[in-house]
Amino acid sequence: MTRIPDAMLAELHALVCAWVEDQERLILEQGVALSEPELRIATRAGVLHPERVKLLAVTKTPLPEEKTLRRAARAFGFVSEMTDGLTAGYGFFLRESRRNDRALVAHELVHVAQFERFGGIHAFLAKYLREILENGYDAAPLELEAVAFQQSRAWEQDDASQRSPGRPSSAA
C-alpha cells in the first residue's frame, strides 16, 4: 500500500474533517430522526445520545467537491457515489435502495458511537484515516468493529416481552 507522507495526511485530515462537518450539518438539517427500532439498535451499538442521530436517504452518496479531497477519496476508496452508507458525526447517509436495511443501519450506528467515544469528528477521523491508510479499509480496526456488530445480529434482538406477551424474559 502506498504510504502517504505525514504532511499530506495532515492536509487531507483537515479537508476530510471540513467536508464531514458539512455533511453532518446537511444530514441534521434534512434528515429524519431514527425510528423506535433504530433507536434500540443505536443503544445496542453503544450510541450515548441516539435521540441526536438523523439519517438521510440519498440516490447517490455525495462526493467532496474540493479536487484534492475528491482525488484522494477515489484513490484510496474513502467514499464513492456507490457507497451504501456514510457516517458524519450524528448523521449518516444511506443509499435509498438500502434505507430499510437494518444491518447497514447497525453498522453506521457503530460509527456514530465511535465518533462519540473519540470525542468528535476530528479525533475519530485522525484514527480512522490512519487505520485505513495503514491496514486498508477492510482490515481497519474501527471498520472491523462496525462489521463485527453488524454480523453479530445482536442489534436485532427484541425484548422477549415485546415478542411473546406472557412469557418470562430470559434476561436476569
N, C-alpha and C. Protein backbone atom coordinates (compact mmCIF):
# COMPACT_ATOMS: atom_id res chain seq x y z
N MET A 1 0.84 -1.19 0.00
CA MET A 1 0.00 0.00 0.00
C MET A 1 0.88 1.25 0.00
N THR A 2 0.48 2.24 -0.76
CA THR A 2 1.22 3.48 -0.87
C THR A 2 1.19 4.22 0.46
N ARG A 3 2.35 4.65 0.89
CA ARG A 3 2.46 5.40 2.14
C ARG A 3 2.27 6.87 1.84
N ILE A 4 1.36 7.51 2.55
CA ILE A 4 1.13 8.94 2.37
C ILE A 4 2.02 9.69 3.37
N PRO A 5 2.80 10.64 2.89
CA PRO A 5 3.64 11.42 3.82
C PRO A 5 2.78 12.11 4.88
N ASP A 6 3.34 12.24 6.09
CA ASP A 6 2.60 12.82 7.20
C ASP A 6 2.05 14.21 6.90
N ALA A 7 2.81 15.04 6.18
CA ALA A 7 2.34 16.39 5.84
C ALA A 7 1.11 16.32 4.95
N MET A 8 1.12 15.39 4.00
CA MET A 8 -0.04 15.24 3.12
C MET A 8 -1.23 14.68 3.90
N LEU A 9 -0.96 13.75 4.80
CA LEU A 9 -2.04 13.20 5.62
C LEU A 9 -2.67 14.29 6.48
N ALA A 10 -1.85 15.17 7.04
CA ALA A 10 -2.38 16.28 7.84
C ALA A 10 -3.26 17.19 7.00
N GLU A 11 -2.84 17.46 5.76
CA GLU A 11 -3.65 18.29 4.86
C GLU A 11 -4.97 17.58 4.53
N LEU A 12 -4.87 16.30 4.22
CA LEU A 12 -6.08 15.53 3.91
C LEU A 12 -7.02 15.48 5.12
N HIS A 13 -6.45 15.30 6.30
CA HIS A 13 -7.26 15.24 7.52
C HIS A 13 -8.08 16.51 7.68
N ALA A 14 -7.43 17.65 7.48
CA ALA A 14 -8.15 18.93 7.61
C ALA A 14 -9.27 19.03 6.58
N LEU A 15 -8.99 18.63 5.35
CA LEU A 15 -10.00 18.69 4.30
C LEU A 15 -11.15 17.71 4.57
N VAL A 16 -10.81 16.50 4.99
CA VAL A 16 -11.84 15.50 5.29
C VAL A 16 -12.71 15.97 6.44
N CYS A 17 -12.10 16.50 7.49
CA CYS A 17 -12.88 16.97 8.64
C CYS A 17 -13.86 18.07 8.23
N ALA A 18 -13.40 19.02 7.45
CA ALA A 18 -14.28 20.11 7.00
C ALA A 18 -15.43 19.55 6.18
N TRP A 19 -15.12 18.61 5.27
CA TRP A 19 -16.17 18.01 4.44
C TRP A 19 -17.16 17.21 5.29
N VAL A 20 -16.66 16.41 6.22
CA VAL A 20 -17.54 15.61 7.07
C VAL A 20 -18.42 16.51 7.94
N GLU A 21 -17.87 17.59 8.46
CA GLU A 21 -18.68 18.53 9.25
C GLU A 21 -19.79 19.13 8.39
N ASP A 22 -19.48 19.47 7.14
CA ASP A 22 -20.51 19.98 6.23
C ASP A 22 -21.60 18.94 5.99
N GLN A 23 -21.18 17.69 5.82
CA GLN A 23 -22.16 16.61 5.58
C GLN A 23 -23.03 16.39 6.81
N GLU A 24 -22.43 16.47 7.99
CA GLU A 24 -23.22 16.31 9.21
C GLU A 24 -24.28 17.41 9.30
N ARG A 25 -23.89 18.65 9.03
CA ARG A 25 -24.87 19.75 9.06
C ARG A 25 -26.01 19.49 8.10
N LEU A 26 -25.68 19.07 6.88
CA LEU A 26 -26.70 18.78 5.87
C LEU A 26 -27.65 17.68 6.35
N ILE A 27 -27.10 16.60 6.88
CA ILE A 27 -27.93 15.48 7.34
C ILE A 27 -28.81 15.91 8.51
N LEU A 28 -28.25 16.65 9.45
CA LEU A 28 -29.04 17.07 10.62
C LEU A 28 -30.15 18.05 10.22
N GLU A 29 -29.94 18.82 9.16
CA GLU A 29 -30.97 19.74 8.67
C GLU A 29 -32.04 19.02 7.86
N GLN A 30 -31.64 18.09 7.00
CA GLN A 30 -32.56 17.49 6.04
C GLN A 30 -32.97 16.05 6.38
N GLY A 31 -32.25 15.43 7.28
CA GLY A 31 -32.50 14.02 7.58
C GLY A 31 -33.70 13.82 8.50
N VAL A 32 -33.96 12.56 8.77
CA VAL A 32 -35.07 12.18 9.65
C VAL A 32 -34.52 11.54 10.91
N ALA A 33 -35.28 11.70 11.98
CA ALA A 33 -34.91 11.06 13.25
C ALA A 33 -35.03 9.55 13.11
N LEU A 34 -34.32 8.85 13.95
CA LEU A 34 -34.39 7.39 13.95
C LEU A 34 -35.76 6.92 14.40
N SER A 35 -36.22 5.82 13.82
CA SER A 35 -37.46 5.18 14.26
C SER A 35 -37.22 4.50 15.61
N GLU A 36 -38.28 4.06 16.25
CA GLU A 36 -38.12 3.36 17.54
C GLU A 36 -37.20 2.14 17.42
N PRO A 37 -37.40 1.26 16.40
CA PRO A 37 -36.47 0.13 16.28
C PRO A 37 -35.03 0.58 16.04
N GLU A 38 -34.85 1.66 15.28
CA GLU A 38 -33.50 2.16 15.02
C GLU A 38 -32.88 2.77 16.27
N LEU A 39 -33.71 3.41 17.11
CA LEU A 39 -33.21 3.92 18.39
C LEU A 39 -32.71 2.78 19.27
N ARG A 40 -33.43 1.65 19.26
CA ARG A 40 -32.98 0.48 20.04
C ARG A 40 -31.65 -0.05 19.49
N ILE A 41 -31.53 -0.07 18.17
CA ILE A 41 -30.26 -0.51 17.57
C ILE A 41 -29.14 0.44 17.99
N ALA A 42 -29.41 1.74 17.97
CA ALA A 42 -28.39 2.72 18.35
C ALA A 42 -27.92 2.48 19.78
N THR A 43 -28.85 2.21 20.68
CA THR A 43 -28.48 1.94 22.07
C THR A 43 -27.62 0.70 22.16
N ARG A 44 -28.00 -0.34 21.44
CA ARG A 44 -27.21 -1.58 21.44
C ARG A 44 -25.83 -1.39 20.81
N ALA A 45 -25.74 -0.45 19.88
CA ALA A 45 -24.46 -0.16 19.23
C ALA A 45 -23.54 0.68 20.12
N GLY A 46 -24.08 1.19 21.23
CA GLY A 46 -23.28 1.99 22.15
C GLY A 46 -23.40 3.48 21.96
N VAL A 47 -24.37 3.94 21.16
CA VAL A 47 -24.58 5.37 20.97
C VAL A 47 -25.12 5.96 22.28
N LEU A 48 -24.45 6.98 22.78
CA LEU A 48 -24.85 7.59 24.05
C LEU A 48 -26.06 8.51 23.91
N HIS A 49 -26.19 9.14 22.76
CA HIS A 49 -27.29 10.09 22.52
C HIS A 49 -28.02 9.75 21.23
N PRO A 50 -28.74 8.62 21.21
CA PRO A 50 -29.41 8.22 19.97
C PRO A 50 -30.46 9.21 19.50
N GLU A 51 -31.00 10.00 20.41
CA GLU A 51 -32.01 10.98 20.03
C GLU A 51 -31.44 12.09 19.14
N ARG A 52 -30.14 12.26 19.12
CA ARG A 52 -29.49 13.27 18.29
C ARG A 52 -29.25 12.80 16.86
N VAL A 53 -29.32 11.50 16.63
CA VAL A 53 -28.93 10.93 15.34
C VAL A 53 -30.03 11.11 14.29
N LYS A 54 -29.61 11.47 13.10
CA LYS A 54 -30.53 11.54 11.96
C LYS A 54 -29.91 10.81 10.78
N LEU A 55 -30.78 10.35 9.89
CA LEU A 55 -30.29 9.72 8.68
C LEU A 55 -30.94 10.37 7.48
N LEU A 56 -30.21 10.33 6.38
CA LEU A 56 -30.69 10.93 5.14
C LEU A 56 -30.50 9.92 4.02
N ALA A 57 -31.62 9.51 3.43
CA ALA A 57 -31.58 8.58 2.30
C ALA A 57 -31.26 9.38 1.03
N VAL A 58 -30.32 8.87 0.24
CA VAL A 58 -29.88 9.56 -0.98
C VAL A 58 -29.80 8.56 -2.14
N THR A 59 -29.98 9.08 -3.35
CA THR A 59 -29.83 8.19 -4.52
C THR A 59 -28.36 7.89 -4.77
N LYS A 60 -27.50 8.88 -4.55
CA LYS A 60 -26.05 8.70 -4.68
C LYS A 60 -25.38 9.36 -3.48
N THR A 61 -24.39 8.69 -2.94
CA THR A 61 -23.64 9.26 -1.83
C THR A 61 -22.88 10.49 -2.32
N PRO A 62 -22.99 11.60 -1.60
CA PRO A 62 -22.29 12.81 -2.03
C PRO A 62 -20.78 12.61 -2.00
N LEU A 63 -20.11 13.23 -2.96
CA LEU A 63 -18.65 13.21 -3.02
C LEU A 63 -18.13 14.61 -2.71
N PRO A 64 -16.92 14.68 -2.18
CA PRO A 64 -16.34 16.00 -1.93
C PRO A 64 -16.19 16.78 -3.24
N GLU A 65 -16.41 18.08 -3.18
CA GLU A 65 -16.23 18.92 -4.35
C GLU A 65 -14.79 19.40 -4.49
N GLU A 66 -14.10 19.55 -3.37
CA GLU A 66 -12.72 20.02 -3.38
C GLU A 66 -11.87 18.98 -4.11
N LYS A 67 -11.08 19.42 -5.11
CA LYS A 67 -10.44 18.47 -6.04
C LYS A 67 -9.40 17.57 -5.39
N THR A 68 -8.61 18.08 -4.46
CA THR A 68 -7.60 17.24 -3.79
C THR A 68 -8.29 16.13 -3.00
N LEU A 69 -9.33 16.51 -2.29
CA LEU A 69 -10.06 15.54 -1.48
C LEU A 69 -10.80 14.54 -2.36
N ARG A 70 -11.37 15.00 -3.42
CA ARG A 70 -12.08 14.12 -4.35
C ARG A 70 -11.13 13.07 -4.96
N ARG A 71 -9.93 13.53 -5.35
CA ARG A 71 -8.93 12.60 -5.89
C ARG A 71 -8.52 11.57 -4.84
N ALA A 72 -8.30 12.03 -3.61
CA ALA A 72 -7.90 11.12 -2.53
C ALA A 72 -9.01 10.12 -2.24
N ALA A 73 -10.25 10.59 -2.24
CA ALA A 73 -11.39 9.70 -1.99
C ALA A 73 -11.45 8.60 -3.03
N ARG A 74 -11.22 8.96 -4.27
CA ARG A 74 -11.22 7.96 -5.35
C ARG A 74 -10.02 7.03 -5.25
N ALA A 75 -8.85 7.61 -5.00
CA ALA A 75 -7.62 6.82 -4.99
C ALA A 75 -7.58 5.82 -3.84
N PHE A 76 -8.07 6.22 -2.68
CA PHE A 76 -7.97 5.37 -1.50
C PHE A 76 -9.29 4.72 -1.11
N GLY A 77 -10.33 4.99 -1.87
CA GLY A 77 -11.60 4.33 -1.63
C GLY A 77 -12.32 4.78 -0.38
N PHE A 78 -12.10 6.02 0.07
CA PHE A 78 -12.79 6.51 1.26
C PHE A 78 -14.29 6.58 1.03
N VAL A 79 -14.67 7.05 -0.14
CA VAL A 79 -16.09 7.21 -0.45
C VAL A 79 -16.24 7.26 -1.97
N SER A 80 -17.36 6.73 -2.43
CA SER A 80 -17.71 6.84 -3.85
C SER A 80 -19.22 7.05 -3.92
N GLU A 81 -19.72 7.34 -5.11
CA GLU A 81 -21.16 7.52 -5.28
C GLU A 81 -21.91 6.23 -4.98
N MET A 82 -21.21 5.11 -5.02
CA MET A 82 -21.84 3.81 -4.78
C MET A 82 -21.74 3.36 -3.32
N THR A 83 -21.15 4.17 -2.46
CA THR A 83 -21.06 3.84 -1.04
C THR A 83 -22.47 3.72 -0.49
N ASP A 84 -22.75 2.60 0.18
CA ASP A 84 -24.10 2.36 0.69
C ASP A 84 -24.44 3.18 1.94
N GLY A 85 -23.45 3.43 2.78
CA GLY A 85 -23.67 4.19 3.99
C GLY A 85 -22.44 5.00 4.33
N LEU A 86 -22.64 6.18 4.89
CA LEU A 86 -21.53 7.04 5.28
C LEU A 86 -21.95 7.83 6.50
N THR A 87 -21.15 7.73 7.56
CA THR A 87 -21.47 8.40 8.82
C THR A 87 -20.69 9.69 8.95
N ALA A 88 -21.38 10.72 9.41
CA ALA A 88 -20.77 12.03 9.65
C ALA A 88 -21.26 12.54 11.00
N GLY A 89 -20.52 12.22 12.05
CA GLY A 89 -20.92 12.64 13.38
C GLY A 89 -22.24 12.01 13.77
N TYR A 90 -23.23 12.86 14.09
CA TYR A 90 -24.56 12.36 14.48
C TYR A 90 -25.49 12.16 13.30
N GLY A 91 -24.95 12.18 12.10
CA GLY A 91 -25.77 11.94 10.93
C GLY A 91 -25.15 10.87 10.06
N PHE A 92 -25.99 10.20 9.29
CA PHE A 92 -25.44 9.29 8.30
C PHE A 92 -26.33 9.21 7.09
N PHE A 93 -25.66 9.02 5.95
CA PHE A 93 -26.33 8.81 4.68
C PHE A 93 -26.55 7.32 4.49
N LEU A 94 -27.67 6.99 3.87
CA LEU A 94 -27.90 5.64 3.37
C LEU A 94 -28.39 5.79 1.94
N ARG A 95 -27.92 4.93 1.07
CA ARG A 95 -28.49 4.92 -0.28
C ARG A 95 -29.95 4.50 -0.16
N GLU A 96 -30.83 5.14 -0.93
CA GLU A 96 -32.27 4.86 -0.86
C GLU A 96 -32.57 3.37 -1.01
N SER A 97 -31.81 2.69 -1.86
CA SER A 97 -32.04 1.26 -2.07
C SER A 97 -31.74 0.43 -0.83
N ARG A 98 -31.03 1.01 0.15
CA ARG A 98 -30.68 0.29 1.37
C ARG A 98 -31.34 0.90 2.60
N ARG A 99 -32.28 1.81 2.41
CA ARG A 99 -32.88 2.55 3.52
C ARG A 99 -33.45 1.64 4.61
N ASN A 100 -34.02 0.52 4.25
CA ASN A 100 -34.64 -0.37 5.24
C ASN A 100 -33.74 -1.53 5.65
N ASP A 101 -32.47 -1.43 5.34
CA ASP A 101 -31.50 -2.47 5.68
C ASP A 101 -31.00 -2.24 7.10
N ARG A 102 -31.61 -2.94 8.05
CA ARG A 102 -31.25 -2.73 9.47
C ARG A 102 -29.81 -3.10 9.76
N ALA A 103 -29.26 -4.07 9.04
CA ALA A 103 -27.85 -4.44 9.25
C ALA A 103 -26.93 -3.27 8.89
N LEU A 104 -27.24 -2.59 7.80
CA LEU A 104 -26.44 -1.42 7.41
C LEU A 104 -26.64 -0.29 8.42
N VAL A 105 -27.86 -0.08 8.88
CA VAL A 105 -28.12 0.93 9.91
C VAL A 105 -27.28 0.61 11.15
N ALA A 106 -27.27 -0.65 11.56
CA ALA A 106 -26.49 -1.07 12.73
C ALA A 106 -25.00 -0.73 12.53
N HIS A 107 -24.49 -1.02 11.35
CA HIS A 107 -23.09 -0.75 11.03
C HIS A 107 -22.79 0.75 11.18
N GLU A 108 -23.63 1.58 10.57
CA GLU A 108 -23.39 3.03 10.62
C GLU A 108 -23.53 3.57 12.04
N LEU A 109 -24.43 2.98 12.82
CA LEU A 109 -24.60 3.44 14.21
C LEU A 109 -23.38 3.12 15.07
N VAL A 110 -22.66 2.07 14.75
CA VAL A 110 -21.39 1.82 15.45
C VAL A 110 -20.43 2.97 15.18
N HIS A 111 -20.41 3.45 13.95
CA HIS A 111 -19.54 4.60 13.64
C HIS A 111 -19.99 5.85 14.42
N VAL A 112 -21.28 6.04 14.60
CA VAL A 112 -21.75 7.16 15.43
C VAL A 112 -21.20 6.99 16.85
N ALA A 113 -21.30 5.78 17.40
CA ALA A 113 -20.78 5.52 18.74
C ALA A 113 -19.27 5.78 18.80
N GLN A 114 -18.56 5.44 17.73
CA GLN A 114 -17.12 5.70 17.69
C GLN A 114 -16.84 7.20 17.69
N PHE A 115 -17.61 7.97 16.93
CA PHE A 115 -17.45 9.43 16.96
C PHE A 115 -17.60 9.92 18.40
N GLU A 116 -18.62 9.44 19.09
CA GLU A 116 -18.82 9.86 20.47
C GLU A 116 -17.64 9.44 21.35
N ARG A 117 -17.23 8.21 21.21
CA ARG A 117 -16.16 7.65 22.05
C ARG A 117 -14.85 8.43 21.88
N PHE A 118 -14.55 8.86 20.66
CA PHE A 118 -13.31 9.59 20.40
C PHE A 118 -13.44 11.08 20.67
N GLY A 119 -14.64 11.55 20.96
CA GLY A 119 -14.81 12.95 21.30
C GLY A 119 -15.10 13.86 20.12
N GLY A 120 -15.51 13.29 19.00
CA GLY A 120 -15.90 14.12 17.88
C GLY A 120 -15.26 13.72 16.57
N ILE A 121 -15.60 14.50 15.57
CA ILE A 121 -15.20 14.21 14.19
C ILE A 121 -13.68 14.23 14.02
N HIS A 122 -13.00 15.24 14.53
CA HIS A 122 -11.56 15.37 14.29
C HIS A 122 -10.77 14.21 14.87
N ALA A 123 -11.02 13.88 16.11
CA ALA A 123 -10.28 12.79 16.75
C ALA A 123 -10.63 11.44 16.11
N PHE A 124 -11.90 11.22 15.82
CA PHE A 124 -12.29 9.97 15.18
C PHE A 124 -11.61 9.83 13.82
N LEU A 125 -11.69 10.87 13.00
CA LEU A 125 -11.13 10.77 11.66
C LEU A 125 -9.62 10.64 11.66
N ALA A 126 -8.93 11.24 12.63
CA ALA A 126 -7.48 11.06 12.71
C ALA A 126 -7.15 9.58 12.85
N LYS A 127 -7.87 8.89 13.72
CA LYS A 127 -7.64 7.46 13.94
C LYS A 127 -8.13 6.64 12.75
N TYR A 128 -9.33 6.91 12.29
CA TYR A 128 -9.95 6.13 11.22
C TYR A 128 -9.14 6.21 9.93
N LEU A 129 -8.76 7.41 9.53
CA LEU A 129 -7.98 7.58 8.30
C LEU A 129 -6.63 6.89 8.40
N ARG A 130 -5.99 7.03 9.53
CA ARG A 130 -4.68 6.38 9.74
C ARG A 130 -4.84 4.86 9.62
N GLU A 131 -5.88 4.32 10.23
CA GLU A 131 -6.11 2.87 10.15
C GLU A 131 -6.35 2.41 8.72
N ILE A 132 -7.14 3.15 7.99
CA ILE A 132 -7.42 2.77 6.60
C ILE A 132 -6.15 2.83 5.76
N LEU A 133 -5.36 3.87 5.97
CA LEU A 133 -4.13 4.00 5.18
C LEU A 133 -3.09 2.94 5.55
N GLU A 134 -3.05 2.56 6.82
CA GLU A 134 -2.07 1.56 7.25
C GLU A 134 -2.52 0.13 7.01
N ASN A 135 -3.82 -0.13 7.13
CA ASN A 135 -4.31 -1.51 7.09
C ASN A 135 -5.19 -1.82 5.89
N GLY A 136 -5.66 -0.77 5.21
CA GLY A 136 -6.67 -0.95 4.18
C GLY A 136 -8.05 -0.89 4.82
N TYR A 137 -9.03 -0.51 4.02
CA TYR A 137 -10.40 -0.33 4.53
C TYR A 137 -10.92 -1.59 5.21
N ASP A 138 -10.78 -2.75 4.57
CA ASP A 138 -11.36 -3.99 5.08
C ASP A 138 -10.69 -4.51 6.34
N ALA A 139 -9.48 -4.03 6.65
CA ALA A 139 -8.76 -4.51 7.84
C ALA A 139 -8.57 -3.42 8.90
N ALA A 140 -9.16 -2.26 8.69
CA ALA A 140 -9.04 -1.18 9.67
C ALA A 140 -9.82 -1.55 10.93
N PRO A 141 -9.20 -1.50 12.11
CA PRO A 141 -9.87 -1.93 13.34
C PRO A 141 -11.22 -1.27 13.61
N LEU A 142 -11.36 0.03 13.36
CA LEU A 142 -12.66 0.67 13.60
C LEU A 142 -13.72 0.15 12.63
N GLU A 143 -13.32 -0.13 11.42
CA GLU A 143 -14.26 -0.70 10.45
C GLU A 143 -14.61 -2.13 10.85
N LEU A 144 -13.62 -2.88 11.30
CA LEU A 144 -13.87 -4.26 11.74
C LEU A 144 -14.83 -4.30 12.93
N GLU A 145 -14.73 -3.31 13.82
CA GLU A 145 -15.66 -3.22 14.96
C GLU A 145 -17.10 -3.07 14.45
N ALA A 146 -17.30 -2.19 13.46
CA ALA A 146 -18.64 -1.98 12.91
C ALA A 146 -19.14 -3.23 12.21
N VAL A 147 -18.27 -3.89 11.46
CA VAL A 147 -18.65 -5.12 10.75
C VAL A 147 -18.99 -6.22 11.75
N ALA A 148 -18.20 -6.33 12.81
CA ALA A 148 -18.46 -7.39 13.81
C ALA A 148 -19.83 -7.20 14.46
N PHE A 149 -20.18 -5.98 14.81
CA PHE A 149 -21.50 -5.72 15.40
C PHE A 149 -22.60 -6.02 14.39
N GLN A 150 -22.41 -5.58 13.16
CA GLN A 150 -23.38 -5.82 12.10
C GLN A 150 -23.60 -7.32 11.91
N GLN A 151 -22.55 -8.08 11.87
CA GLN A 151 -22.65 -9.52 11.63
C GLN A 151 -23.10 -10.31 12.85
N SER A 152 -22.93 -9.74 14.04
CA SER A 152 -23.31 -10.44 15.27
C SER A 152 -24.82 -10.62 15.39
N ARG A 153 -25.55 -9.76 14.72
CA ARG A 153 -27.01 -9.72 14.76
C ARG A 153 -27.53 -9.38 16.16
N ALA A 154 -26.66 -8.99 17.08
CA ALA A 154 -27.10 -8.60 18.43
C ALA A 154 -28.04 -7.40 18.37
N TRP A 155 -27.91 -6.60 17.33
CA TRP A 155 -28.73 -5.41 17.17
C TRP A 155 -30.19 -5.72 16.89
N GLU A 156 -30.50 -6.95 16.43
CA GLU A 156 -31.88 -7.26 16.06
C GLU A 156 -32.67 -7.98 17.15
N GLN A 157 -32.07 -8.20 18.29
CA GLN A 157 -32.77 -8.90 19.35
C GLN A 157 -33.73 -7.94 20.05
N ASP A 158 -35.01 -8.29 20.00
CA ASP A 158 -36.02 -7.51 20.69
C ASP A 158 -36.18 -8.03 22.11
N ASP A 159 -36.77 -7.22 22.95
CA ASP A 159 -37.09 -7.70 24.29
C ASP A 159 -38.07 -8.86 24.16
N ALA A 160 -37.82 -9.91 24.90
CA ALA A 160 -38.69 -11.10 24.83
C ALA A 160 -40.13 -10.73 25.17
N SER A 161 -40.31 -9.77 26.05
CA SER A 161 -41.67 -9.39 26.44
C SER A 161 -42.43 -8.73 25.30
N GLN A 162 -41.71 -8.10 24.36
CA GLN A 162 -42.38 -7.47 23.22
C GLN A 162 -42.83 -8.50 22.21
N ARG A 163 -42.07 -9.59 22.05
CA ARG A 163 -42.39 -10.58 21.06
C ARG A 163 -43.40 -11.61 21.55
N SER A 164 -43.30 -11.95 22.82
CA SER A 164 -44.13 -13.03 23.36
C SER A 164 -44.76 -12.60 24.67
N PRO A 165 -45.87 -11.87 24.59
CA PRO A 165 -46.52 -11.44 25.83
C PRO A 165 -46.85 -12.65 26.69
N GLY A 166 -46.61 -12.51 27.98
CA GLY A 166 -46.93 -13.58 28.92
C GLY A 166 -45.77 -14.53 29.16
N ARG A 167 -44.74 -14.50 28.30
CA ARG A 167 -43.58 -15.34 28.51
C ARG A 167 -42.54 -14.58 29.30
N PRO A 168 -41.88 -15.22 30.25
CA PRO A 168 -40.86 -14.53 31.02
C PRO A 168 -39.65 -14.23 30.15
N SER A 169 -38.99 -13.14 30.45
CA SER A 169 -37.77 -12.77 29.75
C SER A 169 -36.63 -13.64 30.21
N SER A 170 -35.70 -13.98 29.32
CA SER A 170 -34.56 -14.80 29.70
C SER A 170 -33.48 -13.97 30.36
N ALA A 171 -33.59 -12.64 30.31
CA ALA A 171 -32.59 -11.80 30.96
C ALA A 171 -32.83 -11.74 32.44
N ALA A 172 -31.74 -11.79 33.19
CA ALA A 172 -31.87 -11.74 34.64
C ALA A 172 -31.69 -10.34 35.15
